[in-house]
C-alpha atoms as a PDB file:
ATOM      1  CA  MET A   1     -36.852  29.238 -62.652  1.00  0.00           C
ATOM      2  CA  ARG A   2     -38.113  26.424 -64.865  1.00  0.00           C
ATOM      3  CA  LYS A   3     -36.826  23.832 -62.389  1.00  0.00           C
ATOM      4  CA  LEU A   4     -38.494  25.681 -59.529  1.00  0.00           C
ATOM      5  CA  THR A   5     -41.809  25.728 -61.379  1.00  0.00           C
ATOM      6  CA  LEU A   6     -41.565  21.996 -62.061  1.00  0.00           C
ATOM      7  CA  ASN A   7     -40.894  21.329 -58.370  1.00  0.00           C
ATOM      8  CA  ARG A   8     -43.939  23.374 -57.446  1.00  0.00           C
ATOM      9  CA  ILE A   9     -46.092  21.401 -59.877  1.00  0.00           C
ATOM     10  CA  LEU A  10     -44.869  18.126 -58.406  1.00  0.00           C
ATOM     11  CA  LEU A  11     -45.515  19.396 -54.877  1.00  0.00           C
ATOM     12  CA  VAL A  12     -49.044  20.542 -55.705  1.00  0.00           C
ATOM     13  CA  THR A  13     -49.756  17.215 -57.447  1.00  0.00           C
ATOM     14  CA  ALA A  14     -48.582  15.279 -54.393  1.00  0.00           C
ATOM     15  CA  LEU A  15     -50.682  17.409 -52.052  1.00  0.00           C
ATOM     16  CA  LEU A  16     -53.749  16.992 -54.247  1.00  0.00           C
ATOM     17  CA  THR A  17     -53.217  13.219 -54.328  1.00  0.00           C
ATOM     18  CA  LEU A  18     -53.013  13.100 -50.533  1.00  0.00           C
ATOM     19  CA  ALA A  19     -56.059  15.312 -50.193  1.00  0.00           C
ATOM     20  CA  CYS A  20     -58.081  13.166 -52.593  1.00  0.00           C
ATOM     21  CA  GLY A  21     -57.048   9.994 -50.735  1.00  0.00           C
ATOM     22  CA  ALA A  22     -58.020  11.518 -47.387  1.00  0.00           C
ATOM     23  CA  ALA A  23     -61.339  12.706 -48.790  1.00  0.00           C
ATOM     24  CA  ALA A  24     -62.073   9.245 -50.215  1.00  0.00           C
ATOM     25  CA  GLN A  25     -61.412   7.618 -46.837  1.00  0.00           C
ATOM     26  CA  GLN A  26     -63.533  10.224 -45.055  1.00  0.00           C
ATOM     27  CA  ALA A  27     -66.433   9.573 -47.453  1.00  0.00           C
ATOM     28  CA  TYR A  28     -66.145   5.788 -47.028  1.00  0.00           C
ATOM     29  CA  PRO A  29     -68.334   3.909 -47.648  1.00  0.00           C
ATOM     30  CA  GLY A  30     -69.704   5.480 -50.789  1.00  0.00           C
ATOM     31  CA  LYS A  31     -71.105   2.293 -52.316  1.00  0.00           C
ATOM     32  CA  PRO A  32     -72.165  -1.239 -51.247  1.00  0.00           C
ATOM     33  CA  ILE A  33     -69.610  -3.428 -49.468  1.00  0.00           C
ATOM     34  CA  ARG A  34     -69.094  -7.090 -50.326  1.00  0.00           C
ATOM     35  CA  LEU A  35     -68.458  -9.431 -47.387  1.00  0.00           C
ATOM     36  CA  ILE A  36     -67.092 -12.761 -48.619  1.00  0.00           C
ATOM     37  CA  VAL A  37     -67.928 -15.842 -46.534  1.00  0.00           C
ATOM     38  CA  PRO A  38     -65.823 -18.894 -47.509  1.00  0.00           C
ATOM     39  CA  TYR A  39     -68.642 -21.266 -46.576  1.00  0.00           C
ATOM     40  CA  ALA A  40     -71.995 -22.369 -48.024  1.00  0.00           C
ATOM     41  CA  PRO A  41     -74.981 -20.083 -47.260  1.00  0.00           C
ATOM     42  CA  ALA A  42     -75.981 -21.845 -44.059  1.00  0.00           C
ATOM     43  CA  GLY A  43     -74.525 -22.293 -40.605  1.00  0.00           C
ATOM     44  CA  SER A  44     -72.980 -19.993 -38.033  1.00  0.00           C
ATOM     45  CA  ALA A  45     -70.546 -18.221 -40.392  1.00  0.00           C
ATOM     46  CA  SER A  46     -73.293 -17.008 -42.731  1.00  0.00           C
ATOM     47  CA  ILE A  47     -75.546 -16.044 -39.822  1.00  0.00           C
ATOM     48  CA  LEU A  48     -72.711 -14.056 -38.283  1.00  0.00           C
ATOM     49  CA  ALA A  49     -71.947 -12.332 -41.597  1.00  0.00           C
ATOM     50  CA  ARG A  50     -75.575 -11.280 -41.975  1.00  0.00           C
ATOM     51  CA  LEU A  51     -75.673  -9.926 -38.423  1.00  0.00           C
ATOM     52  CA  VAL A  52     -72.557  -7.825 -38.994  1.00  0.00           C
ATOM     53  CA  GLY A  53     -73.725  -6.738 -42.426  1.00  0.00           C
ATOM     54  CA  GLN A  54     -77.083  -5.629 -41.081  1.00  0.00           C
ATOM     55  CA  LYS A  55     -75.507  -3.448 -38.370  1.00  0.00           C
ATOM     56  CA  LEU A  56     -73.056  -1.821 -40.789  1.00  0.00           C
ATOM     57  CA  THR A  57     -75.886  -1.196 -43.266  1.00  0.00           C
ATOM     58  CA  GLU A  58     -77.975   0.459 -40.557  1.00  0.00           C
ATOM     59  CA  SER A  59     -75.064   2.663 -39.454  1.00  0.00           C
ATOM     60  CA  TRP A  60     -73.810   3.737 -42.876  1.00  0.00           C
ATOM     61  CA  SER A  61     -76.902   3.449 -45.095  1.00  0.00           C
ATOM     62  CA  GLN A  62     -74.825   1.412 -47.521  1.00  0.00           C
ATOM     63  CA  GLN A  63     -75.750  -2.190 -48.167  1.00  0.00           C
ATOM     64  CA  VAL A  64     -73.365  -4.946 -47.082  1.00  0.00           C
ATOM     65  CA  ILE A  65     -73.788  -7.863 -49.470  1.00  0.00           C
ATOM     66  CA  VAL A  66     -72.923 -11.311 -48.112  1.00  0.00           C
ATOM     67  CA  ASP A  67     -71.132 -13.271 -50.838  1.00  0.00           C
ATOM     68  CA  ASN A  68     -70.851 -17.008 -50.066  1.00  0.00           C
ATOM     69  CA  ARG A  69     -67.850 -18.619 -51.792  1.00  0.00           C
ATOM     70  CA  PRO A  70     -67.590 -22.171 -50.406  1.00  0.00           C
ATOM     71  CA  GLY A  71     -65.114 -24.856 -51.388  1.00  0.00           C
ATOM     72  CA  GLY A  72     -61.532 -25.988 -51.025  1.00  0.00           C
ATOM     73  CA  ASN A  73     -61.492 -25.879 -47.198  1.00  0.00           C
ATOM     74  CA  THR A  74     -62.247 -22.108 -47.370  1.00  0.00           C
ATOM     75  CA  ILE A  75     -59.440 -21.541 -49.915  1.00  0.00           C
ATOM     76  CA  ILE A  76     -61.707 -20.479 -52.805  1.00  0.00           C
ATOM     77  CA  GLY A  77     -63.434 -17.639 -50.969  1.00  0.00           C
ATOM     78  CA  THR A  78     -60.284 -16.557 -49.194  1.00  0.00           C
ATOM     79  CA  GLU A  79     -58.337 -16.327 -52.456  1.00  0.00           C
ATOM     80  CA  ALA A  80     -61.094 -14.185 -53.975  1.00  0.00           C
ATOM     81  CA  ALA A  81     -60.804 -11.754 -51.075  1.00  0.00           C
ATOM     82  CA  ALA A  82     -56.994 -11.672 -51.197  1.00  0.00           C
ATOM     83  CA  LYS A  83     -57.047 -10.738 -54.895  1.00  0.00           C
ATOM     84  CA  SER A  84     -59.693  -7.997 -54.545  1.00  0.00           C
ATOM     85  CA  ALA A  85     -58.946  -4.289 -54.725  1.00  0.00           C
ATOM     86  CA  PRO A  86     -57.673  -2.933 -51.371  1.00  0.00           C
ATOM     87  CA  ASP A  87     -60.287  -0.191 -51.185  1.00  0.00           C
ATOM     88  CA  GLY A  88     -62.477  -1.364 -48.293  1.00  0.00           C
ATOM     89  CA  TYR A  89     -65.297  -2.542 -50.528  1.00  0.00           C
ATOM     90  CA  THR A  90     -64.386  -6.236 -50.322  1.00  0.00           C
ATOM     91  CA  LEU A  91     -63.973  -7.858 -46.911  1.00  0.00           C
ATOM     92  CA  LEU A  92     -63.543 -11.434 -45.689  1.00  0.00           C
ATOM     93  CA  LEU A  93     -65.268 -13.147 -42.788  1.00  0.00           C
ATOM     94  CA  ALA A  94     -62.339 -15.266 -41.622  1.00  0.00           C
ATOM     95  CA  PRO A  95     -62.567 -18.132 -39.126  1.00  0.00           C
ATOM     96  CA  SER A  96     -59.630 -19.057 -36.897  1.00  0.00           C
ATOM     97  CA  SER A  97     -58.922 -21.860 -39.367  1.00  0.00           C
ATOM     98  CA  HIS A  98     -57.778 -19.086 -41.724  1.00  0.00           C
ATOM     99  CA  VAL A  99     -54.296 -19.477 -40.248  1.00  0.00           C
ATOM    100  CA  ILE A 100     -54.537 -23.270 -39.881  1.00  0.00           C
ATOM    101  CA  THR A 101     -55.384 -24.189 -43.481  1.00  0.00           C
ATOM    102  CA  PRO A 102     -52.046 -22.966 -44.923  1.00  0.00           C
ATOM    103  CA  LEU A 103     -50.272 -25.177 -42.384  1.00  0.00           C
ATOM    104  CA  LEU A 104     -52.018 -28.202 -43.871  1.00  0.00           C
ATOM    105  CA  ALA A 105     -52.122 -27.437 -47.589  1.00  0.00           C
ATOM    106  CA  ALA A 106     -50.587 -25.161 -50.217  1.00  0.00           C
ATOM    107  CA  THR A 107     -52.673 -22.003 -50.638  1.00  0.00           C
ATOM    108  CA  PRO A 108     -52.534 -19.354 -53.395  1.00  0.00           C
ATOM    109  CA  TYR A 109     -52.235 -16.632 -50.750  1.00  0.00           C
ATOM    110  CA  ASP A 110     -50.331 -15.882 -47.562  1.00  0.00           C
ATOM    111  CA  ALA A 111     -52.760 -15.903 -44.627  1.00  0.00           C
ATOM    112  CA  ILE A 112     -50.814 -13.155 -42.845  1.00  0.00           C
ATOM    113  CA  LYS A 113     -49.104 -11.015 -45.492  1.00  0.00           C
ATOM    114  CA  ASP A 114     -51.971 -10.843 -47.992  1.00  0.00           C
ATOM    115  CA  PHE A 115     -54.528  -9.491 -45.522  1.00  0.00           C
ATOM    116  CA  ALA A 116     -55.066  -6.451 -43.321  1.00  0.00           C
ATOM    117  CA  PRO A 117     -56.670  -7.377 -39.965  1.00  0.00           C
ATOM    118  CA  VAL A 118     -59.746  -5.312 -39.110  1.00  0.00           C
ATOM    119  CA  ALA A 119     -61.435  -6.779 -36.012  1.00  0.00           C
ATOM    120  CA  THR A 120     -62.628  -9.951 -34.352  1.00  0.00           C
ATOM    121  CA  ILE A 121     -66.372 -10.422 -33.966  1.00  0.00           C
ATOM    122  CA  ALA A 122     -67.168 -13.560 -32.015  1.00  0.00           C
ATOM    123  CA  SER A 123     -65.633 -16.623 -30.437  1.00  0.00           C
ATOM    124  CA  SER A 124     -66.725 -19.981 -29.129  1.00  0.00           C
ATOM    125  CA  GLU A 125     -65.109 -22.316 -26.640  1.00  0.00           C
ATOM    126  CA  TYR A 126     -65.247 -26.130 -26.522  1.00  0.00           C
ATOM    127  CA  LEU A 127     -66.553 -28.801 -24.170  1.00  0.00           C
ATOM    128  CA  LEU A 128     -64.944 -32.207 -23.735  1.00  0.00           C
ATOM    129  CA  LEU A 129     -67.878 -34.585 -24.138  1.00  0.00           C
ATOM    130  CA  LEU A 130     -68.008 -38.265 -23.214  1.00  0.00           C
ATOM    131  CA  ASN A 131     -70.471 -40.988 -24.028  1.00  0.00           C
ATOM    132  CA  PRO A 132     -72.267 -41.930 -20.752  1.00  0.00           C
ATOM    133  CA  SER A 133     -70.800 -45.439 -20.957  1.00  0.00           C
ATOM    134  CA  VAL A 134     -67.265 -44.093 -20.436  1.00  0.00           C
ATOM    135  CA  PRO A 135     -66.345 -44.810 -16.783  1.00  0.00           C
ATOM    136  CA  ALA A 136     -65.078 -41.322 -15.944  1.00  0.00           C
ATOM    137  CA  ASN A 137     -66.891 -38.353 -14.413  1.00  0.00           C
ATOM    138  CA  SER A 138     -64.061 -35.831 -14.179  1.00  0.00           C
ATOM    139  CA  LEU A 139     -61.179 -34.707 -16.348  1.00  0.00           C
ATOM    140  CA  GLN A 140     -58.575 -36.380 -14.159  1.00  0.00           C
ATOM    141  CA  GLU A 141     -60.530 -39.649 -14.135  1.00  0.00           C
ATOM    142  CA  PHE A 142     -60.729 -39.523 -17.905  1.00  0.00           C
ATOM    143  CA  ILE A 143     -56.998 -38.806 -18.303  1.00  0.00           C
ATOM    144  CA  ALA A 144     -56.226 -41.765 -16.045  1.00  0.00           C
ATOM    145  CA  LEU A 145     -58.561 -43.946 -18.127  1.00  0.00           C
ATOM    146  CA  ALA A 146     -56.986 -42.805 -21.406  1.00  0.00           C
ATOM    147  CA  LYS A 147     -53.502 -43.514 -20.072  1.00  0.00           C
ATOM    148  CA  SER A 148     -54.573 -47.017 -19.116  1.00  0.00           C
ATOM    149  CA  LYS A 149     -55.943 -47.661 -22.632  1.00  0.00           C
ATOM    150  CA  PRO A 150     -53.479 -46.164 -25.133  1.00  0.00           C
ATOM    151  CA  GLY A 151     -54.928 -46.102 -28.644  1.00  0.00           C
ATOM    152  CA  GLN A 152     -58.232 -47.663 -27.524  1.00  0.00           C
ATOM    153  CA  LEU A 153     -60.354 -44.530 -27.088  1.00  0.00           C
ATOM    154  CA  ASN A 154     -61.685 -42.797 -30.211  1.00  0.00           C
ATOM    155  CA  TYR A 155     -62.684 -39.168 -30.612  1.00  0.00           C
ATOM    156  CA  SER A 156     -64.853 -37.775 -33.401  1.00  0.00           C
ATOM    157  CA  SER A 157     -64.560 -34.518 -35.312  1.00  0.00           C
ATOM    158  CA  ALA A 158     -66.225 -32.770 -38.244  1.00  0.00           C
ATOM    159  CA  GLY A 159     -63.190 -33.502 -40.407  1.00  0.00           C
ATOM    160  CA  SER A 160     -59.402 -33.654 -40.510  1.00  0.00           C
ATOM    161  CA  GLY A 161     -57.626 -30.405 -39.799  1.00  0.00           C
ATOM    162  CA  GLY A 162     -60.610 -28.771 -38.105  1.00  0.00           C
ATOM    163  CA  ALA A 163     -60.732 -27.219 -34.655  1.00  0.00           C
ATOM    164  CA  ALA A 164     -62.050 -30.375 -32.956  1.00  0.00           C
ATOM    165  CA  HIS A 165     -59.264 -32.430 -34.551  1.00  0.00           C
ATOM    166  CA  ILE A 166     -56.660 -29.895 -33.396  1.00  0.00           C
ATOM    167  CA  ALA A 167     -58.217 -29.965 -29.919  1.00  0.00           C
ATOM    168  CA  GLY A 168     -57.967 -33.749 -29.718  1.00  0.00           C
ATOM    169  CA  GLU A 169     -54.322 -33.822 -30.741  1.00  0.00           C
ATOM    170  CA  MET A 170     -53.474 -30.952 -28.406  1.00  0.00           C
ATOM    171  CA  PHE A 171     -55.129 -32.944 -25.613  1.00  0.00           C
ATOM    172  CA  ASN A 172     -53.025 -35.986 -26.519  1.00  0.00           C
ATOM    173  CA  LEU A 173     -49.858 -33.914 -26.249  1.00  0.00           C
ATOM    174  CA  MET A 174     -50.713 -31.965 -23.106  1.00  0.00           C
ATOM    175  CA  ALA A 175     -52.308 -34.822 -21.139  1.00  0.00           C
ATOM    176  CA  GLY A 176     -49.762 -37.425 -22.242  1.00  0.00           C
ATOM    177  CA  VAL A 177     -52.348 -39.782 -23.714  1.00  0.00           C
ATOM    178  CA  LYS A 178     -52.930 -41.443 -27.083  1.00  0.00           C
ATOM    179  CA  MET A 179     -56.467 -41.308 -28.481  1.00  0.00           C
ATOM    180  CA  GLN A 180     -57.460 -42.160 -32.051  1.00  0.00           C
ATOM    181  CA  HIS A 181     -59.036 -39.555 -34.320  1.00  0.00           C
ATOM    182  CA  ILE A 182     -62.153 -40.531 -36.299  1.00  0.00           C
ATOM    183  CA  PRO A 183     -63.016 -37.831 -38.874  1.00  0.00           C
ATOM    184  CA  TYR A 184     -66.596 -37.402 -40.108  1.00  0.00           C
ATOM    185  CA  LYS A 185     -68.182 -35.448 -42.937  1.00  0.00           C
ATOM    186  CA  GLY A 186     -69.567 -32.757 -40.663  1.00  0.00           C
ATOM    187  CA  GLY A 187     -70.330 -32.069 -37.030  1.00  0.00           C
ATOM    188  CA  GLY A 188     -73.768 -33.695 -37.053  1.00  0.00           C
ATOM    189  CA  PRO A 189     -72.559 -37.247 -37.805  1.00  0.00           C
ATOM    190  CA  ALA A 190     -69.658 -36.785 -35.362  1.00  0.00           C
ATOM    191  CA  VAL A 191     -72.103 -36.076 -32.519  1.00  0.00           C
ATOM    192  CA  THR A 192     -74.586 -38.748 -33.624  1.00  0.00           C
ATOM    193  CA  ASP A 193     -71.966 -41.483 -33.417  1.00  0.00           C
ATOM    194  CA  LEU A 194     -70.758 -40.137 -30.081  1.00  0.00           C
ATOM    195  CA  ILE A 195     -74.291 -40.474 -28.704  1.00  0.00           C
ATOM    196  CA  GLY A 196     -74.560 -43.935 -30.250  1.00  0.00           C
ATOM    197  CA  GLY A 197     -71.326 -45.086 -28.644  1.00  0.00           C
ATOM    198  CA  GLN A 198     -69.383 -45.690 -31.870  1.00  0.00           C
ATOM    199  CA  VAL A 199     -66.801 -43.236 -30.481  1.00  0.00           C
ATOM    200  CA  GLN A 200     -66.111 -42.423 -26.848  1.00  0.00           C
ATOM    201  CA  LEU A 201     -65.506 -38.662 -26.856  1.00  0.00           C
ATOM    202  CA  SER A 202     -65.505 -35.452 -28.835  1.00  0.00           C
ATOM    203  CA  PHE A 203     -64.738 -31.744 -28.496  1.00  0.00           C
ATOM    204  CA  GLN A 204     -67.827 -29.701 -29.404  1.00  0.00           C
ATOM    205  CA  THR A 205     -69.203 -26.180 -28.965  1.00  0.00           C
ATOM    206  CA  PRO A 206     -71.830 -25.474 -26.274  1.00  0.00           C
ATOM    207  CA  ILE A 207     -74.662 -24.791 -28.730  1.00  0.00           C
ATOM    208  CA  VAL A 208     -74.223 -28.302 -30.160  1.00  0.00           C
ATOM    209  CA  SER A 209     -73.615 -29.944 -26.784  1.00  0.00           C
ATOM    210  CA  ILE A 210     -76.025 -28.514 -24.229  1.00  0.00           C
ATOM    211  CA  PRO A 211     -79.252 -30.168 -25.481  1.00  0.00           C
ATOM    212  CA  HIS A 212     -77.609 -33.615 -25.360  1.00  0.00           C
ATOM    213  CA  ILE A 213     -76.078 -32.956 -21.941  1.00  0.00           C
ATOM    214  CA  SER A 214     -79.454 -31.834 -20.591  1.00  0.00           C
ATOM    215  CA  ASN A 215     -81.215 -35.019 -21.696  1.00  0.00           C
ATOM    216  CA  GLY A 216     -78.434 -37.273 -20.379  1.00  0.00           C
ATOM    217  CA  LYS A 217     -77.243 -38.541 -23.762  1.00  0.00           C
ATOM    218  CA  LEU A 218     -73.781 -37.025 -23.225  1.00  0.00           C
ATOM    219  CA  LYS A 219     -71.717 -35.856 -20.277  1.00  0.00           C
ATOM    220  CA  ALA A 220     -69.273 -32.961 -20.148  1.00  0.00           C
ATOM    221  CA  VAL A 221     -66.163 -33.041 -17.983  1.00  0.00           C
ATOM    222  CA  ALA A 222     -64.369 -29.773 -18.863  1.00  0.00           C
ATOM    223  CA  TYR A 223     -64.734 -26.459 -20.712  1.00  0.00           C
ATOM    224  CA  THR A 224     -61.991 -24.499 -22.491  1.00  0.00           C
ATOM    225  CA  GLY A 225     -63.157 -21.014 -21.432  1.00  0.00           C
ATOM    226  CA  ASP A 226     -61.632 -18.770 -18.775  1.00  0.00           C
ATOM    227  CA  ALA A 227     -64.786 -19.065 -16.660  1.00  0.00           C
ATOM    228  CA  ARG A 228     -67.540 -21.657 -16.342  1.00  0.00           C
ATOM    229  CA  LEU A 229     -70.546 -21.540 -18.630  1.00  0.00           C
ATOM    230  CA  SER A 230     -73.611 -20.050 -16.950  1.00  0.00           C
ATOM    231  CA  ALA A 231     -75.709 -22.742 -18.685  1.00  0.00           C
ATOM    232  CA  LEU A 232     -73.458 -25.505 -17.261  1.00  0.00           C
ATOM    233  CA  PRO A 233     -72.188 -24.215 -13.910  1.00  0.00           C
ATOM    234  CA  GLN A 234     -71.335 -27.761 -12.786  1.00  0.00           C
ATOM    235  CA  VAL A 235     -68.714 -28.211 -15.529  1.00  0.00           C
ATOM    236  CA  PRO A 236     -65.252 -26.905 -14.531  1.00  0.00           C
ATOM    237  CA  THR A 237     -62.831 -25.199 -16.864  1.00  0.00           C
ATOM    238  CA  PHE A 238     -59.810 -27.187 -18.006  1.00  0.00           C
ATOM    239  CA  THR A 239     -57.640 -25.021 -15.748  1.00  0.00           C
ATOM    240  CA  GLU A 240     -59.834 -25.738 -12.725  1.00  0.00           C
ATOM    241  CA  ALA A 241     -59.803 -29.439 -13.607  1.00  0.00           C
ATOM    242  CA  GLY A 242     -55.996 -29.564 -13.675  1.00  0.00           C
ATOM    243  CA  LEU A 243     -55.021 -28.991 -17.332  1.00  0.00           C
ATOM    244  CA  ALA A 244     -53.966 -25.338 -17.571  1.00  0.00           C
ATOM    245  CA  ASN A 245     -53.382 -23.517 -20.873  1.00  0.00           C
ATOM    246  CA  PHE A 246     -55.579 -25.879 -22.864  1.00  0.00           C
ATOM    247  CA  ASP A 247     -56.956 -23.200 -25.220  1.00  0.00           C
ATOM    248  CA  VAL A 248     -58.682 -23.984 -28.511  1.00  0.00           C
ATOM    249  CA  LYS A 249     -60.896 -20.909 -28.816  1.00  0.00           C
ATOM    250  CA  TYR A 250     -62.627 -20.749 -32.204  1.00  0.00           C
ATOM    251  CA  TRP A 251     -62.984 -17.177 -33.455  1.00  0.00           C
ATOM    252  CA  PHE A 252     -64.323 -15.215 -36.394  1.00  0.00           C
ATOM    253  CA  GLY A 253     -62.773 -11.982 -37.626  1.00  0.00           C
ATOM    254  CA  ILE A 254     -62.992  -9.484 -40.453  1.00  0.00           C
ATOM    255  CA  LEU A 255     -60.034  -9.102 -42.810  1.00  0.00           C
ATOM    256  CA  ALA A 256     -59.439  -6.778 -45.758  1.00  0.00           C
ATOM    257  CA  PRO A 257     -56.980  -7.188 -48.642  1.00  0.00           C
ATOM    258  CA  ALA A 258     -53.446  -6.084 -47.795  1.00  0.00           C
ATOM    259  CA  GLY A 259     -52.875  -2.443 -48.677  1.00  0.00           C
ATOM    260  CA  THR A 260     -56.321  -1.239 -47.614  1.00  0.00           C
ATOM    261  CA  PRO A 261     -55.882   2.350 -46.267  1.00  0.00           C
ATOM    262  CA  ARG A 262     -55.478   2.549 -42.512  1.00  0.00           C
ATOM    263  CA  GLY A 263     -58.235   5.154 -42.242  1.00  0.00           C
ATOM    264  CA  ILE A 264     -60.741   2.702 -43.694  1.00  0.00           C
ATOM    265  CA  ILE A 265     -59.479  -0.133 -41.468  1.00  0.00           C
ATOM    266  CA  ASP A 266     -59.921   2.036 -38.370  1.00  0.00           C
ATOM    267  CA  LYS A 267     -63.401   3.160 -39.412  1.00  0.00           C
ATOM    268  CA  LEU A 268     -64.501  -0.442 -39.938  1.00  0.00           C
ATOM    269  CA  SER A 269     -62.937  -1.627 -36.694  1.00  0.00           C
ATOM    270  CA  THR A 270     -64.578   1.140 -34.660  1.00  0.00           C
ATOM    271  CA  GLU A 271     -68.011   0.508 -36.151  1.00  0.00           C
ATOM    272  CA  ILE A 272     -67.788  -3.259 -35.613  1.00  0.00           C
ATOM    273  CA  ALA A 273     -66.788  -2.778 -31.966  1.00  0.00           C
ATOM    274  CA  LYS A 274     -69.733  -0.418 -31.537  1.00  0.00           C
ATOM    275  CA  SER A 275     -72.101  -3.033 -33.000  1.00  0.00           C
ATOM    276  CA  LEU A 276     -70.818  -5.709 -30.605  1.00  0.00           C
ATOM    277  CA  GLY A 277     -71.842  -3.495 -27.698  1.00  0.00           C
ATOM    278  CA  ILE A 278     -75.497  -3.383 -28.771  1.00  0.00           C
ATOM    279  CA  PRO A 279     -77.604  -5.666 -26.500  1.00  0.00           C
ATOM    280  CA  ASP A 280     -79.659  -7.284 -29.277  1.00  0.00           C
ATOM    281  CA  PHE A 281     -76.488  -8.075 -31.252  1.00  0.00           C
ATOM    282  CA  ARG A 282     -75.017  -9.775 -28.194  1.00  0.00           C
ATOM    283  CA  GLU A 283     -78.221 -11.754 -27.614  1.00  0.00           C
ATOM    284  CA  LYS A 284     -78.221 -12.994 -31.206  1.00  0.00           C
ATOM    285  CA  LEU A 285     -74.596 -14.098 -30.887  1.00  0.00           C
ATOM    286  CA  LEU A 286     -75.338 -15.946 -27.661  1.00  0.00           C
ATOM    287  CA  GLY A 287     -78.224 -17.617 -29.455  1.00  0.00           C
ATOM    288  CA  GLN A 288     -75.676 -19.045 -31.891  1.00  0.00           C
ATOM    289  CA  GLY A 289     -73.474 -20.308 -29.060  1.00  0.00           C
ATOM    290  CA  MET A 290     -70.912 -17.526 -29.505  1.00  0.00           C
ATOM    291  CA  GLU A 291     -69.626 -14.669 -27.369  1.00  0.00           C
ATOM    292  CA  PRO A 292     -68.881 -11.140 -28.620  1.00  0.00           C
ATOM    293  CA  PHE A 293     -65.124 -10.831 -29.110  1.00  0.00           C
ATOM    294  CA  ILE A 294     -63.827  -7.275 -29.543  1.00  0.00           C
ATOM    295  CA  SER A 295     -60.270  -6.557 -30.662  1.00  0.00           C
ATOM    296  CA  SER A 296     -58.278  -3.894 -32.457  1.00  0.00           C
ATOM    297  CA  PRO A 297     -56.519  -4.515 -35.791  1.00  0.00           C
ATOM    298  CA  GLU A 298     -53.233  -4.926 -33.911  1.00  0.00           C
ATOM    299  CA  GLN A 299     -54.710  -7.415 -31.451  1.00  0.00           C
ATOM    300  CA  LEU A 300     -56.177  -9.479 -34.290  1.00  0.00           C
ATOM    301  CA  ALA A 301     -52.817  -9.434 -36.087  1.00  0.00           C
ATOM    302  CA  ASN A 302     -51.098 -10.724 -32.935  1.00  0.00           C
ATOM    303  CA  LEU A 303     -53.781 -13.407 -32.461  1.00  0.00           C
ATOM    304  CA  MET A 304     -53.320 -14.643 -36.029  1.00  0.00           C
ATOM    305  CA  LYS A 305     -49.552 -14.858 -35.601  1.00  0.00           C
ATOM    306  CA  SER A 306     -49.701 -16.571 -32.206  1.00  0.00           C
ATOM    307  CA  ASP A 307     -52.280 -19.124 -33.414  1.00  0.00           C
ATOM    308  CA  THR A 308     -50.098 -19.889 -36.433  1.00  0.00           C
ATOM    309  CA  VAL A 309     -47.185 -20.739 -34.144  1.00  0.00           C
ATOM    310  CA  ARG A 310     -49.234 -22.558 -31.490  1.00  0.00           C
ATOM    311  CA  PHE A 311     -51.311 -24.722 -33.805  1.00  0.00           C
ATOM    312  CA  GLY A 312     -48.366 -25.238 -36.128  1.00  0.00           C
ATOM    313  CA  LYS A 313     -46.537 -27.031 -33.326  1.00  0.00           C
ATOM    314  CA  VAL A 314     -49.529 -29.333 -32.726  1.00  0.00           C
ATOM    315  CA  ILE A 315     -49.962 -30.075 -36.433  1.00  0.00           C
ATOM    316  CA  LYS A 316     -46.283 -30.923 -36.822  1.00  0.00           C
ATOM    317  CA  ALA A 317     -46.087 -33.059 -33.670  1.00  0.00           C
ATOM    318  CA  ALA A 318     -49.250 -34.995 -34.526  1.00  0.00           C
ATOM    319  CA  ASN A 319     -48.515 -35.126 -38.269  1.00  0.00           C
ATOM    320  CA  ILE A 320     -52.032 -33.868 -39.051  1.00  0.00           C
ATOM    321  CA  LYS A 321     -53.087 -34.034 -42.692  1.00  0.00           C
ATOM    322  CA  LEU A 322     -56.136 -32.817 -44.561  1.00  0.00           C
ATOM    323  CA  GLU A 323     -58.532 -35.385 -45.958  1.00  0.00           C
ATOM    324  CA  ASN A 324     -58.260 -35.982 -49.676  1.00  0.00           C
END
């Protein structure tokens, strides 16, 4: 009888624990949410975080506080998120470089295992830009030129290990050419020297590129998207131009610490997808040169894993290193 009573107590305790956990998830969010951005409080990442935070605040009447934690090639902010309580009240705005950084440097977290994918938010494709002095007006003409001048053409990027650097080395591998990488301290100087002719080419996002293309200071020969840009209908995709599967999409997603309850993950993912369908949200993203990018937690998990493998091969083959 005593043993039976003890079993009943244990059963009731377990049921109460489950009920309390379910009730907590159902009531989520019951207090402000912190959204960590591993960048300084300026630029597209912070703008995107504020847009998402505003929509979640409006929907749930709970403030989403954007917490900028720059430094260490995003490692500082990312580590802070990884070590936070897995209760849904600390989230991370993660760029696609989230899975690239650990391939280039030791990190105090595992980019896959220490996080629970929630949803993607936005993505941006890249244009291959040339200085007008480069004697090529199509992708195939440029590839032929690069093959005829191995090691003589230079491409700029915002820094070693970034998306534009990865794009350049992927282009070297896929097109069978050898261009030299010139890293800069930011995207602005990389574009300035491209316009000035100090370098011959660069991979840049449309929002950075279009004004310079329009005024004739740069020319674009290919775009990494699945379809042509409506703002640049004359520029073919890489696939149309003869280099299929050249994909360097830059994306932003929301991650939570590993162990965050699935009910909270699903609630966040659903609400974010709903926000991305709102016309004014889409217009604001387009104004930042990004497209809405909706995915489920499982789809984001698969994207993170596939990018780790794909970019890992490029990094290894090109022996890419981070700047000191």
